[in-house]
């Protein structure tokens, strides 16, 4: 039930997003210089 924003879509940002998904955190928005990666 947790909303997460990850600022940075490089090496660390991508890996953090994936490990959070593996831990059951699914509401994630990753941000790069142009905004939400969607």
ModelCIF file with pLDDT and N, C-alpha, C, O atoms, coordinates in Angstrom:
data_MODEL
#
_entry.id   MODEL 
#
_entity.id                         1 
_entity.type                       polymer 
_entity.pdbx_number_of_molecules   1 
#
_entity_poly.entity_id                      1 
_entity_poly.type                           'polypeptide(L)' 
_entity_poly.nstd_linkage                   no 
_entity_poly.nstd_monomer                   no 
_entity_poly.pdbx_seq_one_letter_code       
;(UNK)(UNK)(UNK)(UNK)(UNK)(UNK)(UNK)(UNK)(UNK)(UNK)(UNK)(UNK)(UNK)(UNK)(UNK)(UNK)
(UNK)(UNK)(UNK)(UNK)(UNK)(UNK)(UNK)(UNK)(UNK)(UNK)(UNK)(UNK)(UNK)(UNK)(UNK)(UNK)
(UNK)(UNK)(UNK)(UNK)(UNK)(UNK)
;
_entity_poly.pdbx_seq_one_letter_code_can   XXXXXXXXXXXXXXXXXXXXXXXXXXXXXXXXXXXXXX 
_entity_poly.pdbx_strand_id                 A 
#
loop_
_entity_poly_seq.entity_id 
_entity_poly_seq.num 
_entity_poly_seq.mon_id 
_entity_poly_seq.hetero 
1 1  UNK n 
1 2  UNK n 
1 3  UNK n 
1 4  UNK n 
1 5  UNK n 
1 6  UNK n 
1 7  UNK n 
1 8  UNK n 
1 9  UNK n 
1 10 UNK n 
1 11 UNK n 
1 12 UNK n 
1 13 UNK n 
1 14 UNK n 
1 15 UNK n 
1 16 UNK n 
1 17 UNK n 
1 18 UNK n 
1 19 UNK n 
1 20 UNK n 
1 21 UNK n 
1 22 UNK n 
1 23 UNK n 
1 24 UNK n 
1 25 UNK n 
1 26 UNK n 
1 27 UNK n 
1 28 UNK n 
1 29 UNK n 
1 30 UNK n 
1 31 UNK n 
1 32 UNK n 
1 33 UNK n 
1 34 UNK n 
1 35 UNK n 
1 36 UNK n 
1 37 UNK n 
1 38 UNK n 
#
_struct_asym.id          A 
_struct_asym.entity_id   1 
#
loop_
_ma_qa_metric.id 
_ma_qa_metric.mode 
_ma_qa_metric.name 
_ma_qa_metric.software_group_id 
_ma_qa_metric.type 
1 global pLDDT . pLDDT 
2 local  pLDDT . pLDDT 
#
_ma_qa_metric_global.metric_id      1 
_ma_qa_metric_global.metric_value   96.24 
_ma_qa_metric_global.model_id       1 
_ma_qa_metric_global.ordinal_id     1 
#
loop_
_ma_qa_metric_local.label_asym_id 
_ma_qa_metric_local.label_comp_id 
_ma_qa_metric_local.label_seq_id 
_ma_qa_metric_local.metric_id 
_ma_qa_metric_local.metric_value 
_ma_qa_metric_local.model_id 
_ma_qa_metric_local.ordinal_id 
A UNK 1  2 96.00 1 1  
A UNK 2  2 98.00 1 2  
A UNK 3  2 98.00 1 3  
A UNK 4  2 98.00 1 4  
A UNK 5  2 98.00 1 5  
A UNK 6  2 98.00 1 6  
A UNK 7  2 97.00 1 7  
A UNK 8  2 95.00 1 8  
A UNK 9  2 94.00 1 9  
A UNK 10 2 92.00 1 10 
A UNK 11 2 92.00 1 11 
A UNK 12 2 94.00 1 12 
A UNK 13 2 96.00 1 13 
A UNK 14 2 96.00 1 14 
A UNK 15 2 96.00 1 15 
A UNK 16 2 97.00 1 16 
A UNK 17 2 97.00 1 17 
A UNK 18 2 97.00 1 18 
A UNK 19 2 97.00 1 19 
A UNK 20 2 98.00 1 20 
A UNK 21 2 97.00 1 21 
A UNK 22 2 95.00 1 22 
A UNK 23 2 96.00 1 23 
A UNK 24 2 96.00 1 24 
A UNK 25 2 97.00 1 25 
A UNK 26 2 95.00 1 26 
A UNK 27 2 97.00 1 27 
A UNK 28 2 98.00 1 28 
A UNK 29 2 98.00 1 29 
A UNK 30 2 98.00 1 30 
A UNK 31 2 97.00 1 31 
A UNK 32 2 95.00 1 32 
A UNK 33 2 93.00 1 33 
A UNK 34 2 94.00 1 34 
A UNK 35 2 96.00 1 35 
A UNK 36 2 97.00 1 36 
A UNK 37 2 97.00 1 37 
A UNK 38 2 97.00 1 38 
#
loop_
_atom_site.group_PDB 
_atom_site.id 
_atom_site.type_symbol 
_atom_site.label_atom_id 
_atom_site.label_alt_id 
_atom_site.label_comp_id 
_atom_site.label_asym_id 
_atom_site.label_entity_id 
_atom_site.label_seq_id 
_atom_site.pdbx_PDB_ins_code 
_atom_site.Cartn_x 
_atom_site.Cartn_y 
_atom_site.Cartn_z 
_atom_site.occupancy 
_atom_site.B_iso_or_equiv 
_atom_site.pdbx_formal_charge 
_atom_site.auth_seq_id 
_atom_site.auth_comp_id 
_atom_site.auth_asym_id 
_atom_site.auth_atom_id 
_atom_site.pdbx_PDB_model_num 
ATOM 1   N N  . UNK A 1 1  ? 0.820  -1.214 0.000   1.00 96.00 ? 1  UNK A N  1 
ATOM 2   C CA . UNK A 1 1  ? 0.000  0.000  0.000   1.00 96.00 ? 1  UNK A CA 1 
ATOM 3   C C  . UNK A 1 1  ? 0.854  1.265  0.000   1.00 96.00 ? 1  UNK A C  1 
ATOM 4   O O  . UNK A 1 1  ? 0.370  2.344  0.342   1.00 96.00 ? 1  UNK A O  1 
ATOM 5   N N  . UNK A 1 2  ? 2.112  1.135  -0.379  1.00 98.00 ? 2  UNK A N  1 
ATOM 6   C CA . UNK A 1 2  ? 3.066  2.242  -0.307  1.00 98.00 ? 2  UNK A CA 1 
ATOM 7   C C  . UNK A 1 2  ? 3.358  2.800  -1.698  1.00 98.00 ? 2  UNK A C  1 
ATOM 8   O O  . UNK A 1 2  ? 3.659  2.048  -2.625  1.00 98.00 ? 2  UNK A O  1 
ATOM 9   N N  . UNK A 1 3  ? 3.269  4.116  -1.837  1.00 98.00 ? 3  UNK A N  1 
ATOM 10  C CA . UNK A 1 3  ? 3.609  4.802  -3.094  1.00 98.00 ? 3  UNK A CA 1 
ATOM 11  C C  . UNK A 1 3  ? 5.039  5.294  -3.038  1.00 98.00 ? 3  UNK A C  1 
ATOM 12  O O  . UNK A 1 3  ? 5.421  6.024  -2.123  1.00 98.00 ? 3  UNK A O  1 
ATOM 13  N N  . UNK A 1 4  ? 5.831  4.891  -4.024  1.00 98.00 ? 4  UNK A N  1 
ATOM 14  C CA . UNK A 1 4  ? 7.260  5.210  -4.044  1.00 98.00 ? 4  UNK A CA 1 
ATOM 15  C C  . UNK A 1 4  ? 7.606  5.999  -5.302  1.00 98.00 ? 4  UNK A C  1 
ATOM 16  O O  . UNK A 1 4  ? 7.136  5.687  -6.396  1.00 98.00 ? 4  UNK A O  1 
ATOM 17  N N  . UNK A 1 5  ? 8.430  7.015  -5.129  1.00 98.00 ? 5  UNK A N  1 
ATOM 18  C CA . UNK A 1 5  ? 9.024  7.753  -6.243  1.00 98.00 ? 5  UNK A CA 1 
ATOM 19  C C  . UNK A 1 5  ? 10.530 7.541  -6.199  1.00 98.00 ? 5  UNK A C  1 
ATOM 20  O O  . UNK A 1 5  ? 11.170 7.776  -5.173  1.00 98.00 ? 5  UNK A O  1 
ATOM 21  N N  . UNK A 1 6  ? 11.094 7.093  -7.325  1.00 98.00 ? 6  UNK A N  1 
ATOM 22  C CA . UNK A 1 6  ? 12.539 6.915  -7.444  1.00 98.00 ? 6  UNK A CA 1 
ATOM 23  C C  . UNK A 1 6  ? 13.051 7.952  -8.429  1.00 98.00 ? 6  UNK A C  1 
ATOM 24  O O  . UNK A 1 6  ? 12.670 7.939  -9.599  1.00 98.00 ? 6  UNK A O  1 
ATOM 25  N N  . UNK A 1 7  ? 13.897 8.834  -7.972  1.00 97.00 ? 7  UNK A N  1 
ATOM 26  C CA . UNK A 1 7  ? 14.468 9.869  -8.832  1.00 97.00 ? 7  UNK A CA 1 
ATOM 27  C C  . UNK A 1 7  ? 15.805 9.380  -9.373  1.00 97.00 ? 7  UNK A C  1 
ATOM 28  O O  . UNK A 1 7  ? 16.785 9.281  -8.635  1.00 97.00 ? 7  UNK A O  1 
ATOM 29  N N  . UNK A 1 8  ? 15.838 9.076  -10.666 1.00 95.00 ? 8  UNK A N  1 
ATOM 30  C CA . UNK A 1 8  ? 17.032 8.548  -11.303 1.00 95.00 ? 8  UNK A CA 1 
ATOM 31  C C  . UNK A 1 8  ? 16.727 7.227  -11.970 1.00 95.00 ? 8  UNK A C  1 
ATOM 32  O O  . UNK A 1 8  ? 16.325 6.267  -11.313 1.00 95.00 ? 8  UNK A O  1 
ATOM 33  N N  . UNK A 1 9  ? 16.919 7.179  -13.281 1.00 94.00 ? 9  UNK A N  1 
ATOM 34  C CA . UNK A 1 9  ? 16.634 5.961  -14.049 1.00 94.00 ? 9  UNK A CA 1 
ATOM 35  C C  . UNK A 1 9  ? 17.911 5.350  -14.594 1.00 94.00 ? 9  UNK A C  1 
ATOM 36  O O  . UNK A 1 9  ? 17.907 4.702  -15.641 1.00 94.00 ? 9  UNK A O  1 
ATOM 37  N N  . UNK A 1 10 ? 19.013 5.565  -13.870 1.00 92.00 ? 10 UNK A N  1 
ATOM 38  C CA . UNK A 1 10 ? 20.275 4.939  -14.245 1.00 92.00 ? 10 UNK A CA 1 
ATOM 39  C C  . UNK A 1 10 ? 20.428 3.597  -13.561 1.00 92.00 ? 10 UNK A C  1 
ATOM 40  O O  . UNK A 1 10 ? 19.441 2.942  -13.227 1.00 92.00 ? 10 UNK A O  1 
ATOM 41  N N  . UNK A 1 11 ? 21.675 3.190  -13.354 1.00 92.00 ? 11 UNK A N  1 
ATOM 42  C CA . UNK A 1 11 ? 21.957 1.860  -12.823 1.00 92.00 ? 11 UNK A CA 1 
ATOM 43  C C  . UNK A 1 11 ? 21.269 1.627  -11.484 1.00 92.00 ? 11 UNK A C  1 
ATOM 44  O O  . UNK A 1 11 ? 20.578 0.624  -11.310 1.00 92.00 ? 11 UNK A O  1 
ATOM 45  N N  . UNK A 1 12 ? 21.454 2.551  -10.531 1.00 94.00 ? 12 UNK A N  1 
ATOM 46  C CA . UNK A 1 12 ? 20.887 2.356  -9.202  1.00 94.00 ? 12 UNK A CA 1 
ATOM 47  C C  . UNK A 1 12 ? 19.371 2.432  -9.229  1.00 94.00 ? 12 UNK A C  1 
ATOM 48  O O  . UNK A 1 12 ? 18.698 1.617  -8.598  1.00 94.00 ? 12 UNK A O  1 
ATOM 49  N N  . UNK A 1 13 ? 18.822 3.405  -9.952  1.00 96.00 ? 13 UNK A N  1 
ATOM 50  C CA . UNK A 1 13 ? 17.373 3.570  -9.982  1.00 96.00 ? 13 UNK A CA 1 
ATOM 51  C C  . UNK A 1 13 ? 16.651 2.363  -10.547 1.00 96.00 ? 13 UNK A C  1 
ATOM 52  O O  . UNK A 1 13 ? 15.626 1.940  -10.011 1.00 96.00 ? 13 UNK A O  1 
ATOM 53  N N  . UNK A 1 14 ? 17.183 1.803  -11.634 1.00 96.00 ? 14 UNK A N  1 
ATOM 54  C CA . UNK A 1 14 ? 16.565 0.620  -12.236 1.00 96.00 ? 14 UNK A CA 1 
ATOM 55  C C  . UNK A 1 14 ? 16.625 -0.562 -11.269 1.00 96.00 ? 14 UNK A C  1 
ATOM 56  O O  . UNK A 1 14 ? 15.637 -1.276 -11.094 1.00 96.00 ? 14 UNK A O  1 
ATOM 57  N N  . UNK A 1 15 ? 17.777 -0.766 -10.647 1.00 96.00 ? 15 UNK A N  1 
ATOM 58  C CA . UNK A 1 15 ? 17.925 -1.905 -9.739  1.00 96.00 ? 15 UNK A CA 1 
ATOM 59  C C  . UNK A 1 15 ? 17.052 -1.751 -8.501  1.00 96.00 ? 15 UNK A C  1 
ATOM 60  O O  . UNK A 1 15 ? 16.474 -2.729 -8.028  1.00 96.00 ? 15 UNK A O  1 
ATOM 61  N N  . UNK A 1 16 ? 16.950 -0.538 -7.971  1.00 97.00 ? 16 UNK A N  1 
ATOM 62  C CA . UNK A 1 16 ? 16.097 -0.321 -6.807  1.00 97.00 ? 16 UNK A CA 1 
ATOM 63  C C  . UNK A 1 16 ? 14.644 -0.626 -7.153  1.00 97.00 ? 16 UNK A C  1 
ATOM 64  O O  . UNK A 1 16 ? 13.940 -1.283 -6.386  1.00 97.00 ? 16 UNK A O  1 
ATOM 65  N N  . UNK A 1 17 ? 14.198 -0.143 -8.315  1.00 97.00 ? 17 UNK A N  1 
ATOM 66  C CA . UNK A 1 17 ? 12.822 -0.410 -8.724  1.00 97.00 ? 17 UNK A CA 1 
ATOM 67  C C  . UNK A 1 17 ? 12.554 -1.912 -8.789  1.00 97.00 ? 17 UNK A C  1 
ATOM 68  O O  . UNK A 1 17 ? 11.514 -2.380 -8.323  1.00 97.00 ? 17 UNK A O  1 
ATOM 69  N N  . UNK A 1 18 ? 13.473 -2.655 -9.354  1.00 97.00 ? 18 UNK A N  1 
ATOM 70  C CA . UNK A 1 18 ? 13.254 -4.093 -9.520  1.00 97.00 ? 18 UNK A CA 1 
ATOM 71  C C  . UNK A 1 18 ? 13.279 -4.835 -8.193  1.00 97.00 ? 18 UNK A C  1 
ATOM 72  O O  . UNK A 1 18 ? 12.486 -5.753 -7.985  1.00 97.00 ? 18 UNK A O  1 
ATOM 73  N N  . UNK A 1 19 ? 14.184 -4.449 -7.289  1.00 97.00 ? 19 UNK A N  1 
ATOM 74  C CA . UNK A 1 19 ? 14.226 -5.158 -6.012  1.00 97.00 ? 19 UNK A CA 1 
ATOM 75  C C  . UNK A 1 19 ? 13.011 -4.804 -5.156  1.00 97.00 ? 19 UNK A C  1 
ATOM 76  O O  . UNK A 1 19 ? 12.533 -5.647 -4.397  1.00 97.00 ? 19 UNK A O  1 
ATOM 77  N N  . UNK A 1 20 ? 12.499 -3.568 -5.263  1.00 98.00 ? 20 UNK A N  1 
ATOM 78  C CA . UNK A 1 20 ? 11.286 -3.214 -4.540  1.00 98.00 ? 20 UNK A CA 1 
ATOM 79  C C  . UNK A 1 20 ? 10.100 -4.023 -5.042  1.00 98.00 ? 20 UNK A C  1 
ATOM 80  O O  . UNK A 1 20 ? 9.265  -4.463 -4.252  1.00 98.00 ? 20 UNK A O  1 
ATOM 81  N N  . UNK A 1 21 ? 10.023 -4.220 -6.347  1.00 97.00 ? 21 UNK A N  1 
ATOM 82  C CA . UNK A 1 21 ? 8.960  -5.058 -6.902  1.00 97.00 ? 21 UNK A CA 1 
ATOM 83  C C  . UNK A 1 21 ? 9.051  -6.470 -6.339  1.00 97.00 ? 21 UNK A C  1 
ATOM 84  O O  . UNK A 1 21 ? 8.038  -7.072 -5.983  1.00 97.00 ? 21 UNK A O  1 
ATOM 85  N N  . UNK A 1 22 ? 10.277 -6.993 -6.261  1.00 95.00 ? 22 UNK A N  1 
ATOM 86  C CA . UNK A 1 22 ? 10.477 -8.325 -5.698  1.00 95.00 ? 22 UNK A CA 1 
ATOM 87  C C  . UNK A 1 22 ? 10.091 -8.415 -4.235  1.00 95.00 ? 22 UNK A C  1 
ATOM 88  O O  . UNK A 1 22 ? 9.779  -9.496 -3.735  1.00 95.00 ? 22 UNK A O  1 
ATOM 89  N N  . UNK A 1 23 ? 10.111 -7.272 -3.541  1.00 96.00 ? 23 UNK A N  1 
ATOM 90  C CA . UNK A 1 23 ? 9.757  -7.229 -2.127  1.00 96.00 ? 23 UNK A CA 1 
ATOM 91  C C  . UNK A 1 23 ? 8.290  -6.890 -1.901  1.00 96.00 ? 23 UNK A C  1 
ATOM 92  O O  . UNK A 1 23 ? 7.866  -6.713 -0.759  1.00 96.00 ? 23 UNK A O  1 
ATOM 93  N N  . UNK A 1 24 ? 7.509  -6.796 -2.975  1.00 96.00 ? 24 UNK A N  1 
ATOM 94  C CA . UNK A 1 24 ? 6.073  -6.569 -2.837  1.00 96.00 ? 24 UNK A CA 1 
ATOM 95  C C  . UNK A 1 24 ? 5.627  -5.131 -2.887  1.00 96.00 ? 24 UNK A C  1 
ATOM 96  O O  . UNK A 1 24 ? 4.462  -4.848 -2.606  1.00 96.00 ? 24 UNK A O  1 
ATOM 97  N N  . UNK A 1 25 ? 6.507  -4.205 -3.236  1.00 97.00 ? 25 UNK A N  1 
ATOM 98  C CA . UNK A 1 25 ? 6.135  -2.793 -3.393  1.00 97.00 ? 25 UNK A CA 1 
ATOM 99  C C  . UNK A 1 25 ? 5.878  -2.559 -4.882  1.00 97.00 ? 25 UNK A C  1 
ATOM 100 O O  . UNK A 1 25 ? 6.805  -2.638 -5.689  1.00 97.00 ? 25 UNK A O  1 
ATOM 101 N N  . UNK A 1 26 ? 4.646  -2.277 -5.247  1.00 95.00 ? 26 UNK A N  1 
ATOM 102 C CA . UNK A 1 26 ? 4.272  -2.273 -6.667  1.00 95.00 ? 26 UNK A CA 1 
ATOM 103 C C  . UNK A 1 26 ? 3.891  -0.904 -7.216  1.00 95.00 ? 26 UNK A C  1 
ATOM 104 O O  . UNK A 1 26 ? 3.859  -0.725 -8.433  1.00 95.00 ? 26 UNK A O  1 
ATOM 105 N N  . UNK A 1 27 ? 3.601  0.065  -6.356  1.00 97.00 ? 27 UNK A N  1 
ATOM 106 C CA . UNK A 1 27 ? 3.214  1.398  -6.838  1.00 97.00 ? 27 UNK A CA 1 
ATOM 107 C C  . UNK A 1 27 ? 4.465  2.269  -6.885  1.00 97.00 ? 27 UNK A C  1 
ATOM 108 O O  . UNK A 1 27 ? 4.783  2.971  -5.925  1.00 97.00 ? 27 UNK A O  1 
ATOM 109 N N  . UNK A 1 28 ? 5.161  2.214  -8.000  1.00 98.00 ? 28 UNK A N  1 
ATOM 110 C CA . UNK A 1 28 ? 6.470  2.862  -8.149  1.00 98.00 ? 28 UNK A CA 1 
ATOM 111 C C  . UNK A 1 28 ? 6.449  3.748  -9.388  1.00 98.00 ? 28 UNK A C  1 
ATOM 112 O O  . UNK A 1 28 ? 5.994  3.327  -10.451 1.00 98.00 ? 28 UNK A O  1 
ATOM 113 N N  . UNK A 1 29 ? 6.938  4.964  -9.251  1.00 98.00 ? 29 UNK A N  1 
ATOM 114 C CA . UNK A 1 29 ? 7.181  5.844  -10.395 1.00 98.00 ? 29 UNK A CA 1 
ATOM 115 C C  . UNK A 1 29 ? 8.664  6.193  -10.416 1.00 98.00 ? 29 UNK A C  1 
ATOM 116 O O  . UNK A 1 29 ? 9.201  6.699  -9.431  1.00 98.00 ? 29 UNK A O  1 
ATOM 117 N N  . UNK A 1 30 ? 9.320  5.922  -11.535 1.00 98.00 ? 30 UNK A N  1 
ATOM 118 C CA . UNK A 1 30 ? 10.730 6.260  -11.696 1.00 98.00 ? 30 UNK A CA 1 
ATOM 119 C C  . UNK A 1 30 ? 10.826 7.525  -12.534 1.00 98.00 ? 30 UNK A C  1 
ATOM 120 O O  . UNK A 1 30 ? 10.156 7.646  -13.559 1.00 98.00 ? 30 UNK A O  1 
ATOM 121 N N  . UNK A 1 31 ? 11.652 8.459  -12.104 1.00 97.00 ? 31 UNK A N  1 
ATOM 122 C CA . UNK A 1 31 ? 11.765 9.767  -12.743 1.00 97.00 ? 31 UNK A CA 1 
ATOM 123 C C  . UNK A 1 31 ? 13.129 9.913  -13.397 1.00 97.00 ? 31 UNK A C  1 
ATOM 124 O O  . UNK A 1 31 ? 14.151 9.594  -12.789 1.00 97.00 ? 31 UNK A O  1 
ATOM 125 N N  . UNK A 1 32 ? 13.147 10.399 -14.650 1.00 95.00 ? 32 UNK A N  1 
ATOM 126 C CA . UNK A 1 32 ? 14.403 10.819 -15.262 1.00 95.00 ? 32 UNK A CA 1 
ATOM 127 C C  . UNK A 1 32 ? 14.314 12.310 -15.572 1.00 95.00 ? 32 UNK A C  1 
ATOM 128 O O  . UNK A 1 32 ? 13.423 12.984 -15.055 1.00 95.00 ? 32 UNK A O  1 
ATOM 129 N N  . UNK A 1 33 ? 15.196 12.835 -16.387 1.00 93.00 ? 33 UNK A N  1 
ATOM 130 C CA . UNK A 1 33 ? 15.227 14.280 -16.640 1.00 93.00 ? 33 UNK A CA 1 
ATOM 131 C C  . UNK A 1 33 ? 13.951 14.791 -17.299 1.00 93.00 ? 33 UNK A C  1 
ATOM 132 O O  . UNK A 1 33 ? 13.641 15.979 -17.216 1.00 93.00 ? 33 UNK A O  1 
ATOM 133 N N  . UNK A 1 34 ? 13.210 13.896 -17.955 1.00 94.00 ? 34 UNK A N  1 
ATOM 134 C CA . UNK A 1 34 ? 12.004 14.316 -18.661 1.00 94.00 ? 34 UNK A CA 1 
ATOM 135 C C  . UNK A 1 34 ? 10.716 13.967 -17.928 1.00 94.00 ? 34 UNK A C  1 
ATOM 136 O O  . UNK A 1 34 ? 9.622  14.140 -18.464 1.00 94.00 ? 34 UNK A O  1 
ATOM 137 N N  . UNK A 1 35 ? 10.850 13.480 -16.709 1.00 96.00 ? 35 UNK A N  1 
ATOM 138 C CA . UNK A 1 35 ? 9.657  13.173 -15.939 1.00 96.00 ? 35 UNK A CA 1 
ATOM 139 C C  . UNK A 1 35 ? 9.493  11.696 -15.680 1.00 96.00 ? 35 UNK A C  1 
ATOM 140 O O  . UNK A 1 35 ? 10.463 10.938 -15.720 1.00 96.00 ? 35 UNK A O  1 
ATOM 141 N N  . UNK A 1 36 ? 8.260  11.282 -15.413 1.00 97.00 ? 36 UNK A N  1 
ATOM 142 C CA . UNK A 1 36 ? 7.976  9.887  -15.094 1.00 97.00 ? 36 UNK A CA 1 
ATOM 143 C C  . UNK A 1 36 ? 8.288  9.004  -16.295 1.00 97.00 ? 36 UNK A C  1 
ATOM 144 O O  . UNK A 1 36 ? 7.904  9.318  -17.421 1.00 97.00 ? 36 UNK A O  1 
ATOM 145 N N  . UNK A 1 37 ? 8.979  7.909  -16.052 1.00 97.00 ? 37 UNK A N  1 
ATOM 146 C CA . UNK A 1 37 ? 9.283  6.934  -17.106 1.00 97.00 ? 37 UNK A CA 1 
ATOM 147 C C  . UNK A 1 37 ? 8.022  6.094  -17.312 1.00 97.00 ? 37 UNK A C  1 
ATOM 148 O O  . UNK A 1 37 ? 7.767  5.140  -16.577 1.00 97.00 ? 37 UNK A O  1 
ATOM 149 N N  . UNK A 1 38 ? 7.245  6.466  -18.323 1.00 97.00 ? 38 UNK A N  1 
ATOM 150 C CA . UNK A 1 38 ? 5.989  5.786  -18.622 1.00 97.00 ? 38 UNK A CA 1 
ATOM 151 C C  . UNK A 1 38 ? 5.889  5.570  -20.123 1.00 97.00 ? 38 UNK A C  1 
ATOM 152 O O  . UNK A 1 38 ? 4.903  5.010  -20.602 1.00 97.00 ? 38 UNK A O  1 
#
